[in-house]
């Protein structure tokens, strides 16, 4: 394959366990626009081109296809299972049955263990895949420390049983983390959060780093292909931000690649999604060459628009004022 990137050239981050994780991964959430086959073909091509981190989730409805692809990689190439870092997540409707959820992911992915397993959202508020942004489930409830810790205890059991090697949290806030971290027997190795130049979440990012938790940033280029339900007229497009465009011109690359360079140099792990070979190859290659200058990094830092794109409004409960309630903007857990 042309443009193959040597995985050894891709920077690594260290988890608190001492284990290394590649600093760029391939996201696999494409179920709103792409078939499981298109996504799994991209996973195959991405691994052949040098990716070693693949970010999966049960709700993406493509883990069974990705499992077939992983077996093809192991049987047709000299890439071994231990060279890959595979993540998955428990979806909101399985918070009371984490073991069952993980068993299904392991079976679908055709793996003996998962490297990092996340609680996808911190509430058991379920919505049907592909539902509208106005959709509300009458059973939805605000965040509960007790319920979350029940789910987390089940995740800890997965580590104890050897089914997963690390566990992580996702879509959390500082007030929620403050409430649950002291109760964890096994602390999260990573935190998945929305992170891109237009929404940098500096306080949450620093909080995670200061607690030895590795930030993994989703929507790293502003998620131009996110579902319609997650779009509003006020949204900022990262690849059109003047600072990003000008820095991209100086480096003679697409603005998306500046977003990824910034993410890796800042210290988070971006997980961009693409099914197009030239894109996923350039997404990985860009972090192995031509870094941003300190001045450029500072300029992007100042350009933060605090514009959250994935608002999560489908998870709201009866009586919630708006999507902001999911994110504890007042500094306390809302509705608990």
Protein backbone atom coordinates (compact mmCIF):
# COMPACT_ATOMS: atom_id res chain seq x y z
CA UNK A 1 0.00 0.00 0.00
CA UNK A 2 1.28 3.42 -0.96
CA UNK A 3 1.60 6.00 1.79
CA UNK A 4 1.87 3.32 4.45
CA UNK A 5 2.85 4.89 7.77
CA UNK A 6 5.20 3.05 10.07
CA UNK A 7 3.25 2.65 13.35
CA UNK A 8 6.54 3.26 15.19
CA UNK A 9 6.54 6.83 13.78
CA UNK A 10 3.14 7.63 15.31
CA UNK A 11 3.59 9.33 18.71
CA UNK A 12 2.34 7.40 21.75
CA UNK A 13 0.74 8.42 25.03
CA UNK A 14 1.19 6.54 28.29
CA UNK A 15 -1.78 5.45 30.40
CA UNK A 16 -1.40 5.46 34.21
CA UNK A 17 -0.81 1.69 34.04
CA UNK A 18 2.34 2.35 32.00
CA UNK A 19 0.77 0.92 28.86
CA UNK A 20 1.27 2.90 25.65
CA UNK A 21 -1.58 3.90 23.36
CA UNK A 22 -1.21 5.45 19.87
CA UNK A 23 -1.87 9.20 19.80
CA UNK A 24 -4.32 8.95 16.87
CA UNK A 25 -7.06 6.39 16.34
CA UNK A 26 -9.75 5.63 13.80
CA UNK A 27 -13.30 6.35 14.94
CA UNK A 28 -16.01 3.97 13.70
CA UNK A 29 -19.23 5.93 14.31
CA UNK A 30 -20.67 6.21 10.83
CA UNK A 31 -23.98 4.43 11.22
CA UNK A 32 -26.00 7.52 10.27
CA UNK A 33 -24.38 7.75 6.84
CA UNK A 34 -22.36 4.65 6.07
CA UNK A 35 -23.06 0.93 6.05
CA UNK A 36 -21.28 -1.41 8.49
CA UNK A 37 -19.44 -2.81 5.46
CA UNK A 38 -18.10 0.61 4.44
CA UNK A 39 -16.91 1.26 7.99
CA UNK A 40 -15.30 -2.17 8.38
CA UNK A 41 -13.55 -1.83 5.00
CA UNK A 42 -12.12 1.45 6.25
CA UNK A 43 -10.92 -0.29 9.43
CA UNK A 44 -9.13 -2.89 7.30
CA UNK A 45 -7.50 -0.28 5.09
CA UNK A 46 -6.59 1.88 8.06
CA UNK A 47 -4.85 -0.97 9.89
CA UNK A 48 -2.91 -1.88 6.73
CA UNK A 49 -1.88 1.76 6.35
CA UNK A 50 -0.50 2.00 9.90
CA UNK A 51 -3.36 2.63 12.36
CA UNK A 52 -3.14 0.64 15.57
CA UNK A 53 -5.93 2.26 17.65
CA UNK A 54 -9.54 1.51 16.63
CA UNK A 55 -12.37 3.12 18.62
CA UNK A 56 -15.54 0.96 18.56
CA UNK A 57 -18.89 0.89 20.37
CA UNK A 58 -21.83 -1.48 20.51
CA UNK A 59 -24.32 1.23 19.55
CA UNK A 60 -22.51 1.86 16.23
CA UNK A 61 -24.03 -1.45 15.04
CA UNK A 62 -20.92 -2.54 13.13
CA UNK A 63 -18.75 -4.43 15.66
CA UNK A 64 -19.61 -7.80 14.08
CA UNK A 65 -18.28 -6.59 10.70
CA UNK A 66 -15.21 -5.08 12.35
CA UNK A 67 -14.62 -8.46 14.05
CA UNK A 68 -14.54 -10.16 10.63
CA UNK A 69 -12.04 -7.58 9.43
CA UNK A 70 -9.79 -8.04 12.47
CA UNK A 71 -9.68 -11.78 11.79
CA UNK A 72 -8.74 -11.04 8.18
CA UNK A 73 -5.91 -8.80 9.42
CA UNK A 74 -4.58 -11.51 11.75
CA UNK A 75 -4.82 -14.28 9.14
CA UNK A 76 -3.58 -12.39 6.06
CA UNK A 77 -0.88 -10.11 7.53
CA UNK A 78 1.86 -10.43 10.11
CA UNK A 79 0.08 -7.91 12.40
CA UNK A 80 -0.62 -9.53 15.76
CA UNK A 81 -3.50 -8.88 18.15
CA UNK A 82 -1.20 -7.37 20.77
CA UNK A 83 -0.09 -4.68 18.30
CA UNK A 84 -3.63 -3.28 18.14
CA UNK A 85 -5.40 -1.19 20.77
CA UNK A 86 -9.17 -1.81 20.53
CA UNK A 87 -11.76 0.12 22.52
CA UNK A 88 -15.49 -0.47 22.93
CA UNK A 89 -18.33 0.96 25.04
CA UNK A 90 -21.41 -0.10 26.96
CA UNK A 91 -24.54 1.64 25.66
CA UNK A 92 -27.11 3.34 27.87
CA UNK A 93 -29.67 0.52 27.72
CA UNK A 94 -27.18 -2.00 29.19
CA UNK A 95 -25.98 -0.14 32.31
CA UNK A 96 -27.52 -2.88 34.48
CA UNK A 97 -26.06 -5.66 32.30
CA UNK A 98 -22.51 -4.59 31.57
CA UNK A 99 -21.16 -8.15 31.56
CA UNK A 100 -23.68 -9.18 28.92
CA UNK A 101 -22.91 -6.10 26.83
CA UNK A 102 -19.18 -6.72 26.97
CA UNK A 103 -19.62 -10.43 26.15
CA UNK A 104 -21.54 -9.44 23.01
CA UNK A 105 -18.84 -6.93 21.97
CA UNK A 106 -16.13 -9.56 22.51
CA UNK A 107 -18.10 -12.08 20.44
CA UNK A 108 -18.82 -9.54 17.68
CA UNK A 109 -15.23 -8.28 17.59
CA UNK A 110 -13.98 -11.90 17.81
CA UNK A 111 -11.52 -10.95 20.55
CA UNK A 112 -10.49 -12.54 23.86
CA UNK A 113 -10.21 -9.14 25.51
CA UNK A 114 -10.80 -5.45 24.86
CA UNK A 115 -7.99 -2.99 25.62
CA UNK A 116 -10.22 -0.19 26.91
CA UNK A 117 -13.95 -0.34 27.68
CA UNK A 118 -15.95 2.85 28.27
CA UNK A 119 -19.23 3.77 29.89
CA UNK A 120 -20.51 5.56 26.77
CA UNK A 121 -22.81 8.09 28.52
CA UNK A 122 -23.15 8.58 32.29
CA UNK A 123 -26.92 7.97 32.40
CA UNK A 124 -29.02 4.93 31.42
CA UNK A 125 -31.16 7.20 29.22
CA UNK A 126 -31.92 5.23 26.09
CA UNK A 127 -32.97 6.49 22.70
CA UNK A 128 -33.55 4.50 19.55
CA UNK A 129 -30.75 4.75 16.95
CA UNK A 130 -31.51 7.43 14.35
CA UNK A 131 -34.29 9.10 16.38
CA UNK A 132 -35.00 12.82 15.95
CA UNK A 133 -33.38 15.46 18.16
CA UNK A 134 -36.76 16.22 19.76
CA UNK A 135 -37.24 12.60 20.79
CA UNK A 136 -37.57 12.05 24.57
CA UNK A 137 -37.77 8.81 26.52
CA UNK A 138 -40.24 9.08 29.46
CA UNK A 139 -37.97 6.75 31.50
CA UNK A 140 -34.96 9.08 31.27
CA UNK A 141 -33.55 10.34 34.58
CA UNK A 142 -30.90 12.81 35.76
CA UNK A 143 -27.42 11.56 36.67
CA UNK A 144 -27.32 9.39 39.78
CA UNK A 145 -24.04 8.71 41.59
CA UNK A 146 -25.40 5.41 42.95
CA UNK A 147 -26.59 4.18 39.55
CA UNK A 148 -23.39 5.23 37.84
CA UNK A 149 -21.25 3.51 40.47
CA UNK A 150 -23.32 0.35 40.08
CA UNK A 151 -22.41 0.41 36.37
CA UNK A 152 -18.77 1.22 37.17
CA UNK A 153 -18.51 -1.68 39.65
CA UNK A 154 -19.58 -3.98 36.81
CA UNK A 155 -16.84 -2.46 34.62
CA UNK A 156 -14.31 -3.10 37.39
CA UNK A 157 -15.45 -6.73 37.40
CA UNK A 158 -14.64 -6.94 33.68
CA UNK A 159 -11.04 -6.00 34.51
CA UNK A 160 -10.93 -8.53 37.34
CA UNK A 161 -12.26 -11.26 35.00
CA UNK A 162 -9.64 -10.40 32.34
CA UNK A 163 -12.31 -9.45 29.76
CA UNK A 164 -11.00 -5.89 29.46
CA UNK A 165 -7.62 -4.43 30.31
CA UNK A 166 -8.57 -0.82 31.10
CA UNK A 167 -11.85 0.97 31.75
CA UNK A 168 -12.83 4.52 30.94
CA UNK A 169 -15.54 7.14 31.22
CA UNK A 170 -17.08 9.28 28.51
CA UNK A 171 -19.20 12.45 28.28
CA UNK A 172 -18.53 13.33 31.92
CA UNK A 173 -18.24 16.73 33.63
CA UNK A 174 -15.99 17.92 36.44
CA UNK A 175 -18.84 17.81 39.04
CA UNK A 176 -19.66 14.22 38.04
CA UNK A 177 -16.00 13.18 38.13
CA UNK A 178 -15.56 14.84 41.54
CA UNK A 179 -18.48 12.76 42.82
CA UNK A 180 -17.42 9.37 41.46
CA UNK A 181 -13.61 9.25 41.29
CA UNK A 182 -13.17 8.90 45.09
CA UNK A 183 -15.50 5.85 44.97
CA UNK A 184 -13.64 3.96 42.21
CA UNK A 185 -11.61 0.87 43.06
CA UNK A 186 -10.13 0.97 39.55
CA UNK A 187 -9.81 4.49 38.26
CA UNK A 188 -10.57 5.36 34.64
CA UNK A 189 -7.54 5.14 32.35
CA UNK A 190 -9.09 7.51 29.82
CA UNK A 191 -11.90 10.02 29.38
CA UNK A 192 -13.60 10.44 26.02
CA UNK A 193 -14.85 13.97 25.51
CA UNK A 194 -15.80 16.22 22.63
CA UNK A 195 -12.67 18.18 21.81
CA UNK A 196 -11.72 20.33 18.81
CA UNK A 197 -10.35 23.86 18.26
CA UNK A 198 -13.86 25.38 18.46
CA UNK A 199 -14.60 23.51 21.72
CA UNK A 200 -11.43 22.88 23.71
CA UNK A 201 -12.90 22.21 27.19
CA UNK A 202 -9.70 23.43 28.90
CA UNK A 203 -10.93 22.96 32.49
CA UNK A 204 -12.14 19.39 31.90
CA UNK A 205 -9.02 18.57 29.88
CA UNK A 206 -6.71 19.84 32.65
CA UNK A 207 -8.78 18.08 35.32
CA UNK A 208 -8.40 14.75 33.54
CA UNK A 209 -4.65 15.19 32.98
CA UNK A 210 -4.07 16.25 36.59
CA UNK A 211 -5.79 13.03 37.74
CA UNK A 212 -3.69 10.80 35.47
CA UNK A 213 -6.61 10.20 33.08
CA UNK A 214 -5.82 10.32 29.34
CA UNK A 215 -8.19 12.56 27.33
CA UNK A 216 -9.45 11.04 24.06
CA UNK A 217 -11.09 13.68 21.87
CA UNK A 218 -14.04 12.84 19.66
CA UNK A 219 -15.26 15.14 16.84
CA UNK A 220 -11.62 16.30 16.49
CA UNK A 221 -12.27 18.13 13.22
CA UNK A 222 -15.73 19.35 14.24
CA UNK A 223 -17.60 16.29 12.98
CA UNK A 224 -18.75 17.61 9.57
CA UNK A 225 -20.73 14.39 9.00
CA UNK A 226 -22.52 14.31 12.38
CA UNK A 227 -26.26 13.51 12.39
CA UNK A 228 -28.70 16.29 11.48
CA UNK A 229 -30.22 16.12 14.97
CA UNK A 230 -26.91 17.40 16.36
CA UNK A 231 -26.75 20.51 14.15
CA UNK A 232 -27.83 24.04 15.06
CA UNK A 233 -27.48 27.32 13.17
CA UNK A 234 -24.98 28.70 15.74
CA UNK A 235 -22.48 25.85 15.27
CA UNK A 236 -18.92 26.81 14.38
CA UNK A 237 -17.20 24.78 11.64
CA UNK A 238 -13.64 24.21 12.83
CA UNK A 239 -12.21 23.82 9.33
CA UNK A 240 -13.56 27.29 8.46
CA UNK A 241 -12.22 29.10 11.53
CA UNK A 242 -9.89 31.85 10.16
CA UNK A 243 -7.01 30.83 12.46
CA UNK A 244 -7.21 27.20 11.31
CA UNK A 245 -7.49 28.18 7.63
CA UNK A 246 -4.49 30.53 7.81
CA UNK A 247 -2.28 28.02 9.64
CA UNK A 248 -3.33 25.35 7.11
CA UNK A 249 -2.28 27.64 4.25
CA UNK A 250 1.11 28.18 5.92
CA UNK A 251 1.60 24.41 6.19
CA UNK A 252 0.02 23.73 2.77
CA UNK A 253 -2.38 21.14 4.14
CA UNK A 254 -6.15 20.77 4.58
CA UNK A 255 -7.51 22.61 7.67
CA UNK A 256 -8.70 19.26 9.11
CA UNK A 257 -5.06 18.19 9.49
CA UNK A 258 -4.27 21.30 11.53
CA UNK A 259 -7.05 20.30 13.95
CA UNK A 260 -5.42 16.86 14.33
CA UNK A 261 -1.87 18.20 14.72
CA UNK A 262 -3.15 20.60 17.40
CA UNK A 263 -4.93 17.79 19.25
CA UNK A 264 -1.90 15.50 19.38
CA UNK A 265 0.52 18.28 20.34
CA UNK A 266 -1.85 19.45 23.06
CA UNK A 267 -1.94 15.96 24.56
CA UNK A 268 -5.32 14.46 23.69
CA UNK A 269 -5.83 11.47 21.41
CA UNK A 270 -8.06 12.38 18.45
CA UNK A 271 -10.19 9.63 16.87
CA UNK A 272 -11.20 11.02 13.46
CA UNK A 273 -13.63 8.99 11.36
CA UNK A 274 -13.33 8.57 7.61
CA UNK A 275 -14.14 5.78 5.16
CA UNK A 276 -12.04 7.46 2.43
CA UNK A 277 -8.54 6.06 2.11
CA UNK A 278 -6.74 9.34 1.19
CA UNK A 279 -8.36 11.02 4.20
CA UNK A 280 -7.63 8.39 6.83
CA UNK A 281 -4.08 8.04 5.58
CA UNK A 282 -3.42 11.79 5.72
CA UNK A 283 -5.11 11.97 9.15
CA UNK A 284 -2.48 9.59 10.53
CA UNK A 285 0.48 10.80 8.50
CA UNK A 286 0.03 14.45 9.51
CA UNK A 287 1.04 13.78 13.13
CA UNK A 288 4.35 12.25 12.07
CA UNK A 289 5.66 15.38 10.29
CA UNK A 290 5.76 19.20 10.22
CA UNK A 291 4.54 20.04 13.75
CA UNK A 292 2.79 23.30 14.61
CA UNK A 293 4.91 26.04 16.17
CA UNK A 294 4.36 27.23 19.74
CA UNK A 295 2.96 30.45 18.32
CA UNK A 296 0.45 28.52 16.17
CA UNK A 297 -0.55 26.37 19.14
CA UNK A 298 -1.11 29.55 21.20
CA UNK A 299 -3.15 31.12 18.43
CA UNK A 300 -5.47 28.09 18.25
CA UNK A 301 -5.79 28.05 22.05
CA UNK A 302 -7.04 31.67 21.95
CA UNK A 303 -9.50 30.84 19.14
CA UNK A 304 -11.68 28.57 21.35
CA UNK A 305 -15.38 29.35 20.69
CA UNK A 306 -16.81 27.13 23.47
CA UNK A 307 -19.14 25.67 20.84
CA UNK A 308 -20.39 22.20 21.83
CA UNK A 309 -21.59 20.29 18.76
CA UNK A 310 -22.80 17.02 20.35
CA UNK A 311 -25.33 18.40 22.81
CA UNK A 312 -26.94 15.08 23.76
CA UNK A 313 -30.47 16.50 23.94
CA UNK A 314 -32.03 13.07 23.18
CA UNK A 315 -30.90 11.99 26.68
CA UNK A 316 -32.85 14.69 28.54
CA UNK A 317 -35.32 13.77 31.25
CA UNK A 318 -38.79 15.12 32.04
CA UNK A 319 -38.45 18.56 33.62
CA UNK A 320 -34.96 19.31 32.30
CA UNK A 321 -34.63 22.89 31.09
CA UNK A 322 -32.49 22.09 28.03
CA UNK A 323 -29.41 20.24 26.81
CA UNK A 324 -27.23 22.41 29.05
CA UNK A 325 -28.56 20.42 32.03
CA UNK A 326 -26.62 17.38 30.81
CA UNK A 327 -23.33 19.25 31.17
CA UNK A 328 -23.63 20.79 34.68
CA UNK A 329 -22.85 24.31 33.50
CA UNK A 330 -23.67 25.72 36.93
CA UNK A 331 -20.79 23.80 38.52
CA UNK A 332 -23.01 21.22 40.24
CA UNK A 333 -24.68 18.01 39.05
CA UNK A 334 -27.95 19.19 37.54
CA UNK A 335 -31.17 17.52 38.69
CA UNK A 336 -29.49 14.98 40.97
